[in-house]
Amino acid sequence: MLASGRDNALLRFSLGNEYLKQGDAVKAAEHLRRAVEHDPKYSAAWKLLGRALTDAEAWSEALAAYQQGIAVAEARGDKQAAKEMSVFARRIEKQLGLKSDD
């Protein structure tokens, strides 16, 4: 489909999801980055991008993806996605030593 010029956010999301299922987080992240380039308001793609980057141990990039995804999800009223990404972002922040426990 990509070769025929049918590049879009949903196709890239689907490809990223499949690569992630196969354990290729780096390739998944490539497609998911393209998905959010096509549609910057695609909160599910931001969430999956954060997961792919986490699996690839690209912690700072994963955190940035989750933070962007949270902003997108909140703007769209997608409270569940924002909540889930907030949990994942906090875990990364804790791992990176960016936030201390209160």
PDB file of N, CA and C in Angstrom:
ATOM      1  N   MET A   1       0.832  -1.202   0.000  1.00  0.00           N
ATOM      2  CA  MET A   1       0.000   0.000   0.000  1.00  0.00           C
ATOM      3  C   MET A   1       0.873   1.260   0.000  1.00  0.00           C
ATOM      4  N   LEU A   2       1.976   1.214   0.762  1.00  0.00           N
ATOM      5  CA  LEU A   2       2.866   2.371   0.767  1.00  0.00           C
ATOM      6  C   LEU A   2       3.450   2.603  -0.626  1.00  0.00           C
ATOM      7  N   ALA A   3       3.835   1.514  -1.271  1.00  0.00           N
ATOM      8  CA  ALA A   3       4.444   1.626  -2.601  1.00  0.00           C
ATOM      9  C   ALA A   3       3.475   2.218  -3.617  1.00  0.00           C
ATOM     10  N   SER A   4       2.180   2.011  -3.406  1.00  0.00           N
ATOM     11  CA  SER A   4       1.190   2.543  -4.348  1.00  0.00           C
ATOM     12  C   SER A   4       0.797   3.981  -4.025  1.00  0.00           C
ATOM     13  N   GLY A   5       1.449   4.566  -3.019  1.00  0.00           N
ATOM     14  CA  GLY A   5       1.184   5.956  -2.689  1.00  0.00           C
ATOM     15  C   GLY A   5       0.038   6.180  -1.726  1.00  0.00           C
ATOM     16  N   ARG A   6      -0.379   5.144  -1.038  1.00  0.00           N
ATOM     17  CA  ARG A   6      -1.501   5.267  -0.098  1.00  0.00           C
ATOM     18  C   ARG A   6      -1.012   5.498   1.329  1.00  0.00           C
ATOM     19  N   ASP A   7      -0.082   6.389   1.484  1.00  0.00           N
ATOM     20  CA  ASP A   7       0.495   6.665   2.791  1.00  0.00           C
ATOM     21  C   ASP A   7      -0.447   7.564   3.594  1.00  0.00           C
ATOM     22  N   ASN A   8      -0.854   7.094   4.768  1.00  0.00           N
ATOM     23  CA  ASN A   8      -1.701   7.903   5.643  1.00  0.00           C
ATOM     24  C   ASN A   8      -1.510   7.471   7.091  1.00  0.00           C
ATOM     25  N   ALA A   9      -2.102   8.201   7.993  1.00  0.00           N
ATOM     26  CA  ALA A   9      -1.914   7.959   9.426  1.00  0.00           C
ATOM     27  C   ALA A   9      -2.388   6.565   9.844  1.00  0.00           C
ATOM     28  N   LEU A  10      -3.532   6.140   9.361  1.00  0.00           N
ATOM     29  CA  LEU A  10      -4.063   4.836   9.764  1.00  0.00           C
ATOM     30  C   LEU A  10      -3.176   3.701   9.267  1.00  0.00           C
ATOM     31  N   LEU A  11      -2.686   3.792   8.035  1.00  0.00           N
ATOM     32  CA  LEU A  11      -1.798   2.768   7.508  1.00  0.00           C
ATOM     33  C   LEU A  11      -0.516   2.708   8.332  1.00  0.00           C
ATOM     34  N   ARG A  12       0.063   3.859   8.612  1.00  0.00           N
ATOM     35  CA  ARG A  12       1.296   3.894   9.395  1.00  0.00           C
ATOM     36  C   ARG A  12       1.067   3.375  10.820  1.00  0.00           C
ATOM     37  N   PHE A  13      -0.081   3.720  11.416  1.00  0.00           N
ATOM     38  CA  PHE A  13      -0.419   3.213  12.744  1.00  0.00           C
ATOM     39  C   PHE A  13      -0.500   1.686  12.711  1.00  0.00           C
ATOM     40  N   SER A  14      -1.175   1.165  11.705  1.00  0.00           N
ATOM     41  CA  SER A  14      -1.338  -0.288  11.582  1.00  0.00           C
ATOM     42  C   SER A  14       0.007  -0.984  11.387  1.00  0.00           C
ATOM     43  N   LEU A  15       0.855  -0.420  10.539  1.00  0.00           N
ATOM     44  CA  LEU A  15       2.186  -0.996  10.333  1.00  0.00           C
ATOM     45  C   LEU A  15       3.008  -0.952  11.622  1.00  0.00           C
ATOM     46  N   GLY A  16       2.951   0.184  12.311  1.00  0.00           N
ATOM     47  CA  GLY A  16       3.664   0.301  13.573  1.00  0.00           C
ATOM     48  C   GLY A  16       3.188  -0.715  14.587  1.00  0.00           C
ATOM     49  N   ASN A  17       1.899  -0.896  14.666  1.00  0.00           N
ATOM     50  CA  ASN A  17       1.311  -1.851  15.593  1.00  0.00           C
ATOM     51  C   ASN A  17       1.787  -3.273  15.275  1.00  0.00           C
ATOM     52  N   GLU A  18       1.807  -3.623  14.005  1.00  0.00           N
ATOM     53  CA  GLU A  18       2.243  -4.963  13.609  1.00  0.00           C
ATOM     54  C   GLU A  18       3.725  -5.180  13.894  1.00  0.00           C
ATOM     55  N   TYR A  19       4.561  -4.189  13.597  1.00  0.00           N
ATOM     56  CA  TYR A  19       5.984  -4.323  13.919  1.00  0.00           C
ATOM     57  C   TYR A  19       6.187  -4.462  15.422  1.00  0.00           C
ATOM     58  N   LEU A  20       5.403  -3.738  16.199  1.00  0.00           N
ATOM     59  CA  LEU A  20       5.512  -3.841  17.652  1.00  0.00           C
ATOM     60  C   LEU A  20       5.127  -5.241  18.122  1.00  0.00           C
ATOM     61  N   LYS A  21       4.083  -5.795  17.549  1.00  0.00           N
ATOM     62  CA  LYS A  21       3.660  -7.166  17.893  1.00  0.00           C
ATOM     63  C   LYS A  21       4.753  -8.175  17.566  1.00  0.00           C
ATOM     64  N   GLN A  22       5.528  -7.896  16.506  1.00  0.00           N
ATOM     65  CA  GLN A  22       6.598  -8.803  16.093  1.00  0.00           C
ATOM     66  C   GLN A  22       7.888  -8.563  16.868  1.00  0.00           C
ATOM     67  N   GLY A  23       7.877  -7.562  17.760  1.00  0.00           N
ATOM     68  CA  GLY A  23       9.037  -7.307  18.590  1.00  0.00           C
ATOM     69  C   GLY A  23      10.067  -6.372  17.983  1.00  0.00           C
ATOM     70  N   ASP A  24       9.722  -5.697  16.888  1.00  0.00           N
ATOM     71  CA  ASP A  24      10.644  -4.749  16.256  1.00  0.00           C
ATOM     72  C   ASP A  24      10.221  -3.323  16.614  1.00  0.00           C
ATOM     73  N   ALA A  25      10.604  -2.913  17.819  1.00  0.00           N
ATOM     74  CA  ALA A  25      10.175  -1.610  18.340  1.00  0.00           C
ATOM     75  C   ALA A  25      10.750  -0.451  17.541  1.00  0.00           C
ATOM     76  N   VAL A  26      11.966  -0.606  17.028  1.00  0.00           N
ATOM     77  CA  VAL A  26      12.601   0.479  16.269  1.00  0.00           C
ATOM     78  C   VAL A  26      11.843   0.723  14.966  1.00  0.00           C
ATOM     79  N   LYS A  27      11.535  -0.346  14.248  1.00  0.00           N
ATOM     80  CA  LYS A  27      10.779  -0.214  12.994  1.00  0.00           C
ATOM     81  C   LYS A  27       9.360   0.292  13.286  1.00  0.00           C
ATOM     82  N   ALA A  28       8.773  -0.174  14.376  1.00  0.00           N
ATOM     83  CA  ALA A  28       7.443   0.290  14.773  1.00  0.00           C
ATOM     84  C   ALA A  28       7.463   1.793  15.012  1.00  0.00           C
ATOM     85  N   ALA A  29       8.475   2.265  15.720  1.00  0.00           N
ATOM     86  CA  ALA A  29       8.572   3.694  16.026  1.00  0.00           C
ATOM     87  C   ALA A  29       8.688   4.528  14.755  1.00  0.00           C
ATOM     88  N   GLU A  30       9.415   4.015  13.759  1.00  0.00           N
ATOM     89  CA  GLU A  30       9.536   4.741  12.487  1.00  0.00           C
ATOM     90  C   GLU A  30       8.152   4.984  11.870  1.00  0.00           C
ATOM     91  N   HIS A  31       7.351   3.938  11.814  1.00  0.00           N
ATOM     92  CA  HIS A  31       6.015   4.063  11.217  1.00  0.00           C
ATOM     93  C   HIS A  31       5.097   4.926  12.081  1.00  0.00           C
ATOM     94  N   LEU A  32       5.202   4.798  13.375  1.00  0.00           N
ATOM     95  CA  LEU A  32       4.337   5.574  14.261  1.00  0.00           C
ATOM     96  C   LEU A  32       4.695   7.063  14.243  1.00  0.00           C
ATOM     97  N   ARG A  33       5.972   7.365  14.064  1.00  0.00           N
ATOM     98  CA  ARG A  33       6.368   8.780  13.893  1.00  0.00           C
ATOM     99  C   ARG A  33       5.701   9.352  12.645  1.00  0.00           C
ATOM    100  N   ARG A  34       5.687   8.567  11.586  1.00  0.00           N
ATOM    101  CA  ARG A  34       5.039   9.011  10.339  1.00  0.00           C
ATOM    102  C   ARG A  34       3.522   9.159  10.552  1.00  0.00           C
ATOM    103  N   ALA A  35       2.941   8.282  11.353  1.00  0.00           N
ATOM    104  CA  ALA A  35       1.499   8.380  11.630  1.00  0.00           C
ATOM    105  C   ALA A  35       1.168   9.715  12.279  1.00  0.00           C
ATOM    106  N   VAL A  36       1.966  10.127  13.272  1.00  0.00           N
ATOM    107  CA  VAL A  36       1.666  11.390  13.951  1.00  0.00           C
ATOM    108  C   VAL A  36       2.072  12.596  13.108  1.00  0.00           C
ATOM    109  N   GLU A  37       2.961  12.394  12.144  1.00  0.00           N
ATOM    110  CA  GLU A  37       3.254  13.472  11.189  1.00  0.00           C
ATOM    111  C   GLU A  37       2.042  13.696  10.283  1.00  0.00           C
ATOM    112  N   HIS A  38       1.432  12.600   9.856  1.00  0.00           N
ATOM    113  CA  HIS A  38       0.228  12.699   9.019  1.00  0.00           C
ATOM    114  C   HIS A  38      -0.939  13.303   9.791  1.00  0.00           C
ATOM    115  N   ASP A  39      -1.083  12.892  11.040  1.00  0.00           N
ATOM    116  CA  ASP A  39      -2.199  13.366  11.869  1.00  0.00           C
ATOM    117  C   ASP A  39      -1.703  13.634  13.290  1.00  0.00           C
ATOM    118  N   PRO A  40      -1.246  14.859  13.554  1.00  0.00           N
ATOM    119  CA  PRO A  40      -0.713  15.194  14.882  1.00  0.00           C
ATOM    120  C   PRO A  40      -1.732  15.078  16.021  1.00  0.00           C
ATOM    121  N   LYS A  41      -3.003  14.922  15.691  1.00  0.00           N
ATOM    122  CA  LYS A  41      -4.043  14.808  16.722  1.00  0.00           C
ATOM    123  C   LYS A  41      -4.501  13.369  16.950  1.00  0.00           C
ATOM    124  N   TYR A  42      -3.719  12.407  16.488  1.00  0.00           N
ATOM    125  CA  TYR A  42      -4.041  10.983  16.577  1.00  0.00           C
ATOM    126  C   TYR A  42      -3.496  10.441  17.901  1.00  0.00           C
ATOM    127  N   SER A  43      -4.283  10.577  18.964  1.00  0.00           N
ATOM    128  CA  SER A  43      -3.804  10.241  20.304  1.00  0.00           C
ATOM    129  C   SER A  43      -3.393   8.775  20.437  1.00  0.00           C
ATOM    130  N   ALA A  44      -4.096   7.865  19.779  1.00  0.00           N
ATOM    131  CA  ALA A  44      -3.728   6.446  19.860  1.00  0.00           C
ATOM    132  C   ALA A  44      -2.345   6.211  19.253  1.00  0.00           C
ATOM    133  N   ALA A  45      -2.020   6.942  18.207  1.00  0.00           N
ATOM    134  CA  ALA A  45      -0.697   6.802  17.588  1.00  0.00           C
ATOM    135  C   ALA A  45       0.385   7.346  18.512  1.00  0.00           C
ATOM    136  N   TRP A  46       0.116   8.445  19.200  1.00  0.00           N
ATOM    137  CA  TRP A  46       1.076   8.977  20.168  1.00  0.00           C
ATOM    138  C   TRP A  46       1.321   7.954  21.279  1.00  0.00           C
ATOM    139  N   LYS A  47       0.251   7.335  21.743  1.00  0.00           N
ATOM    140  CA  LYS A  47       0.368   6.351  22.823  1.00  0.00           C
ATOM    141  C   LYS A  47       1.205   5.154  22.371  1.00  0.00           C
ATOM    142  N   LEU A  48       0.937   4.655  21.178  1.00  0.00           N
ATOM    143  CA  LEU A  48       1.680   3.504  20.673  1.00  0.00           C
ATOM    144  C   LEU A  48       3.123   3.891  20.354  1.00  0.00           C
ATOM    145  N   LEU A  49       3.347   5.115  19.891  1.00  0.00           N
ATOM    146  CA  LEU A  49       4.708   5.592  19.657  1.00  0.00           C
ATOM    147  C   LEU A  49       5.482   5.606  20.974  1.00  0.00           C
ATOM    148  N   GLY A  50       4.858   6.101  22.028  1.00  0.00           N
ATOM    149  CA  GLY A  50       5.506   6.089  23.338  1.00  0.00           C
ATOM    150  C   GLY A  50       5.869   4.685  23.769  1.00  0.00           C
ATOM    151  N   ARG A  51       4.975   3.746  23.527  1.00  0.00           N
ATOM    152  CA  ARG A  51       5.239   2.353  23.891  1.00  0.00           C
ATOM    153  C   ARG A  51       6.391   1.775  23.077  1.00  0.00           C
ATOM    154  N   ALA A  52       6.389   2.047  21.764  1.00  0.00           N
ATOM    155  CA  ALA A  52       7.460   1.536  20.905  1.00  0.00           C
ATOM    156  C   ALA A  52       8.811   2.105  21.350  1.00  0.00           C
ATOM    157  N   LEU A  53       8.844   3.390  21.643  1.00  0.00           N
ATOM    158  CA  LEU A  53      10.091   4.018  22.075  1.00  0.00           C
ATOM    159  C   LEU A  53      10.531   3.504  23.442  1.00  0.00           C
ATOM    160  N   THR A  54       9.570   3.212  24.309  1.00  0.00           N
ATOM    161  CA  THR A  54       9.882   2.616  25.603  1.00  0.00           C
ATOM    162  C   THR A  54      10.486   1.233  25.392  1.00  0.00           C
ATOM    163  N   ASP A  55       9.868   0.440  24.528  1.00  0.00           N
ATOM    164  CA  ASP A  55      10.389  -0.897  24.244  1.00  0.00           C
ATOM    165  C   ASP A  55      11.788  -0.833  23.639  1.00  0.00           C
ATOM    166  N   ALA A  56      12.059   0.235  22.883  1.00  0.00           N
ATOM    167  CA  ALA A  56      13.379   0.428  22.277  1.00  0.00           C
ATOM    168  C   ALA A  56      14.363   1.073  23.267  1.00  0.00           C
ATOM    169  N   GLU A  57      13.891   1.335  24.476  1.00  0.00           N
ATOM    170  CA  GLU A  57      14.674   1.966  25.542  1.00  0.00           C
ATOM    171  C   GLU A  57      15.170   3.358  25.156  1.00  0.00           C
ATOM    172  N   ALA A  58      14.383   4.057  24.345  1.00  0.00           N
ATOM    173  CA  ALA A  58      14.654   5.455  23.996  1.00  0.00           C
ATOM    174  C   ALA A  58      13.826   6.301  24.954  1.00  0.00           C
ATOM    175  N   TRP A  59      14.267   6.343  26.198  1.00  0.00           N
ATOM    176  CA  TRP A  59      13.465   6.887  27.295  1.00  0.00           C
ATOM    177  C   TRP A  59      13.048   8.336  27.094  1.00  0.00           C
ATOM    178  N   SER A  60      13.977   9.198  26.743  1.00  0.00           N
ATOM    179  CA  SER A  60      13.641  10.614  26.578  1.00  0.00           C
ATOM    180  C   SER A  60      12.656  10.833  25.444  1.00  0.00           C
ATOM    181  N   GLU A  61      12.860  10.108  24.342  1.00  0.00           N
ATOM    182  CA  GLU A  61      11.945  10.221  23.206  1.00  0.00           C
ATOM    183  C   GLU A  61      10.561   9.678  23.575  1.00  0.00           C
ATOM    184  N   ALA A  62      10.547   8.593  24.325  1.00  0.00           N
ATOM    185  CA  ALA A  62       9.274   8.012  24.760  1.00  0.00           C
ATOM    186  C   ALA A  62       8.521   8.992  25.645  1.00  0.00           C
ATOM    187  N   LEU A  63       9.243   9.609  26.565  1.00  0.00           N
ATOM    188  CA  LEU A  63       8.617  10.581  27.459  1.00  0.00           C
ATOM    189  C   LEU A  63       8.044  11.749  26.654  1.00  0.00           C
ATOM    190  N   ALA A  64       8.795  12.236  25.691  1.00  0.00           N
ATOM    191  CA  ALA A  64       8.317  13.344  24.853  1.00  0.00           C
ATOM    192  C   ALA A  64       7.075  12.933  24.062  1.00  0.00           C
ATOM    193  N   ALA A  65       7.056  11.704  23.547  1.00  0.00           N
ATOM    194  CA  ALA A  65       5.886  11.218  22.802  1.00  0.00           C
ATOM    195  C   ALA A  65       4.669  11.141  23.717  1.00  0.00           C
ATOM    196  N   TYR A  66       4.873  10.607  24.914  1.00  0.00           N
ATOM    197  CA  TYR A  66       3.747  10.538  25.859  1.00  0.00           C
ATOM    198  C   TYR A  66       3.256  11.929  26.235  1.00  0.00           C
ATOM    199  N   GLN A  67       4.170  12.857  26.469  1.00  0.00           N
ATOM    200  CA  GLN A  67       3.758  14.211  26.843  1.00  0.00           C
ATOM    201  C   GLN A  67       2.960  14.866  25.722  1.00  0.00           C
ATOM    202  N   GLN A  68       3.404  14.691  24.485  1.00  0.00           N
ATOM    203  CA  GLN A  68       2.659  15.237  23.351  1.00  0.00           C
ATOM    204  C   GLN A  68       1.306  14.540  23.232  1.00  0.00           C
ATOM    205  N   GLY A  69       1.309  13.232  23.419  1.00  0.00           N
ATOM    206  CA  GLY A  69       0.072  12.461  23.352  1.00  0.00           C
ATOM    207  C   GLY A  69      -0.935  12.874  24.413  1.00  0.00           C
ATOM    208  N   ILE A  70      -0.434  13.162  25.609  1.00  0.00           N
ATOM    209  CA  ILE A  70      -1.314  13.615  26.695  1.00  0.00           C
ATOM    210  C   ILE A  70      -1.971  14.936  26.305  1.00  0.00           C
ATOM    211  N   ALA A  71      -1.184  15.860  25.784  1.00  0.00           N
ATOM    212  CA  ALA A  71      -1.724  17.160  25.369  1.00  0.00           C
ATOM    213  C   ALA A  71      -2.781  16.988  24.283  1.00  0.00           C
ATOM    214  N   VAL A  72      -2.507  16.125  23.323  1.00  0.00           N
ATOM    215  CA  VAL A  72      -3.455  15.869  22.232  1.00  0.00           C
ATOM    216  C   VAL A  72      -4.727  15.233  22.779  1.00  0.00           C
ATOM    217  N   ALA A  73      -4.561  14.216  23.618  1.00  0.00           N
ATOM    218  CA  ALA A  73      -5.723  13.511  24.163  1.00  0.00           C
ATOM    219  C   ALA A  73      -6.589  14.440  25.012  1.00  0.00           C
ATOM    220  N   GLU A  74      -5.952  15.265  25.831  1.00  0.00           N
ATOM    221  CA  GLU A  74      -6.719  16.196  26.661  1.00  0.00           C
ATOM    222  C   GLU A  74      -7.466  17.210  25.804  1.00  0.00           C
ATOM    223  N   ALA A  75      -6.828  17.686  24.757  1.00  0.00           N
ATOM    224  CA  ALA A  75      -7.478  18.656  23.868  1.00  0.00           C
ATOM    225  C   ALA A  75      -8.677  18.045  23.155  1.00  0.00           C
ATOM    226  N   ARG A  76      -8.619  16.754  22.922  1.00  0.00           N
ATOM    227  CA  ARG A  76      -9.711  16.059  22.234  1.00  0.00           C
ATOM    228  C   ARG A  76     -10.756  15.503  23.200  1.00  0.00           C
ATOM    229  N   GLY A  77     -10.497  15.623  24.494  1.00  0.00           N
ATOM    230  CA  GLY A  77     -11.429  15.095  25.484  1.00  0.00           C
ATOM    231  C   GLY A  77     -11.309  13.599  25.686  1.00  0.00           C
ATOM    232  N   ASP A  78     -10.200  13.015  25.240  1.00  0.00           N
ATOM    233  CA  ASP A  78      -9.963  11.580  25.366  1.00  0.00           C
ATOM    234  C   ASP A  78      -9.285  11.320  26.706  1.00  0.00           C
ATOM    235  N   LYS A  79     -10.086  11.357  27.760  1.00  0.00           N
ATOM    236  CA  LYS A  79      -9.564  11.298  29.124  1.00  0.00           C
ATOM    237  C   LYS A  79      -8.871   9.977  29.443  1.00  0.00           C
ATOM    238  N   GLN A  80      -9.398   8.873  28.946  1.00  0.00           N
ATOM    239  CA  GLN A  80      -8.802   7.565  29.236  1.00  0.00           C
ATOM    240  C   GLN A  80      -7.398   7.470  28.652  1.00  0.00           C
ATOM    241  N   ALA A  81      -7.230   7.885  27.400  1.00  0.00           N
ATOM    242  CA  ALA A  81      -5.901   7.834  26.766  1.00  0.00           C
ATOM    243  C   ALA A  81      -4.934   8.750  27.496  1.00  0.00           C
ATOM    244  N   ALA A  82      -5.394   9.927  27.882  1.00  0.00           N
ATOM    245  CA  ALA A  82      -4.532  10.871  28.606  1.00  0.00           C
ATOM    246  C   ALA A  82      -4.103  10.264  29.939  1.00  0.00           C
ATOM    247  N   LYS A  83      -5.029   9.624  30.617  1.00  0.00           N
ATOM    248  CA  LYS A  83      -4.732   9.015  31.911  1.00  0.00           C
ATOM    249  C   LYS A  83      -3.708   7.892  31.761  1.00  0.00           C
ATOM    250  N   GLU A  84      -3.896   7.040  30.765  1.00  0.00           N
ATOM    251  CA  GLU A  84      -2.971   5.932  30.539  1.00  0.00           C
ATOM    252  C   GLU A  84      -1.574   6.454  30.215  1.00  0.00           C
ATOM    253  N   MET A  85      -1.493   7.433  29.317  1.00  0.00           N
ATOM    254  CA  MET A  85      -0.191   7.973  28.948  1.00  0.00           C
ATOM    255  C   MET A  85       0.477   8.687  30.118  1.00  0.00           C
ATOM    256  N   SER A  86      -0.316   9.292  30.991  1.00  0.00           N
ATOM    257  CA  SER A  86       0.231   9.952  32.176  1.00  0.00           C
ATOM    258  C   SER A  86       0.917   8.938  33.091  1.00  0.00           C
ATOM    259  N   VAL A  87       0.305   7.780  33.235  1.00  0.00           N
ATOM    260  CA  VAL A  87       0.894   6.716  34.063  1.00  0.00           C
ATOM    261  C   VAL A  87       2.230   6.285  33.457  1.00  0.00           C
ATOM    262  N   PHE A  88       2.241   6.047  32.145  1.00  0.00           N
ATOM    263  CA  PHE A  88       3.481   5.613  31.480  1.00  0.00           C
ATOM    264  C   PHE A  88       4.552   6.694  31.569  1.00  0.00           C
ATOM    265  N   ALA A  89       4.157   7.952  31.395  1.00  0.00           N
ATOM    266  CA  ALA A  89       5.117   9.063  31.464  1.00  0.00           C
ATOM    267  C   ALA A  89       5.714   9.165  32.864  1.00  0.00           C
ATOM    268  N   ARG A  90       4.886   9.010  33.889  1.00  0.00           N
ATOM    269  CA  ARG A  90       5.393   9.081  35.266  1.00  0.00           C
ATOM    270  C   ARG A  90       6.406   7.971  35.545  1.00  0.00           C
ATOM    271  N   ARG A  91       6.159   6.789  34.999  1.00  0.00           N
ATOM    272  CA  ARG A  91       7.107   5.683  35.189  1.00  0.00           C
ATOM    273  C   ARG A  91       8.461   6.024  34.580  1.00  0.00           C
ATOM    274  N   ILE A  92       8.434   6.610  33.404  1.00  0.00           N
ATOM    275  CA  ILE A  92       9.691   6.982  32.745  1.00  0.00           C
ATOM    276  C   ILE A  92      10.381   8.098  33.526  1.00  0.00           C
ATOM    277  N   GLU A  93       9.609   9.087  33.947  1.00  0.00           N
ATOM    278  CA  GLU A  93      10.189  10.187  34.731  1.00  0.00           C
ATOM    279  C   GLU A  93      10.853   9.646  35.991  1.00  0.00           C
ATOM    280  N   LYS A  94      10.201   8.706  36.638  1.00  0.00           N
ATOM    281  CA  LYS A  94      10.754   8.115  37.856  1.00  0.00           C
ATOM    282  C   LYS A  94      12.039   7.355  37.531  1.00  0.00           C
ATOM    283  N   GLN A  95      12.017   6.604  36.457  1.00  0.00           N
ATOM    284  CA  GLN A  95      13.195   5.845  36.046  1.00  0.00           C
ATOM    285  C   GLN A  95      14.362   6.773  35.715  1.00  0.00           C
ATOM    286  N   LEU A  96      14.066   7.887  35.078  1.00  0.00           N
ATOM    287  CA  LEU A  96      15.105   8.847  34.707  1.00  0.00           C
ATOM    288  C   LEU A  96      15.505   9.760  35.865  1.00  0.00           C
ATOM    289  N   GLY A  97      14.791   9.631  36.987  1.00  0.00           N
ATOM    290  CA  GLY A  97      15.101  10.454  38.145  1.00  0.00           C
ATOM    291  C   GLY A  97      14.642  11.901  37.985  1.00  0.00           C
ATOM    292  N   LEU A  98      13.638  12.115  37.141  1.00  0.00           N
ATOM    293  CA  LEU A  98      13.161  13.470  36.890  1.00  0.00           C
ATOM    294  C   LEU A  98      12.155  13.948  37.939  1.00  0.00           C
ATOM    295  N   LYS A  99      11.522  13.016  38.605  1.00  0.00           N
ATOM    296  CA  LYS A  99      10.560  13.386  39.649  1.00  0.00           C
ATOM    297  C   LYS A  99      10.804  12.536  40.864  1.00  0.00           C
ATOM    298  N   SER A 100      10.639  13.132  42.010  1.00  0.00           N
ATOM    299  CA  SER A 100      10.788  12.380  43.245  1.00  0.00           C
ATOM    300  C   SER A 100       9.407  12.047  43.794  1.00  0.00           C
ATOM    301  N   ASP A 101       9.363  10.975  44.569  1.00  0.00           N
ATOM    302  CA  ASP A 101       8.094  10.613  45.210  1.00  0.00           C
ATOM    303  C   ASP A 101       7.790  11.615  46.308  1.00  0.00           C
ATOM    304  N   ASP A 102       6.546  12.058  46.377  1.00  0.00           N
ATOM    305  CA  ASP A 102       6.154  13.038  47.409  1.00  0.00           C
ATOM    306  C   ASP A 102       5.804  12.347  48.697  1.00  0.00           C
TER     307      ASP A 102
END
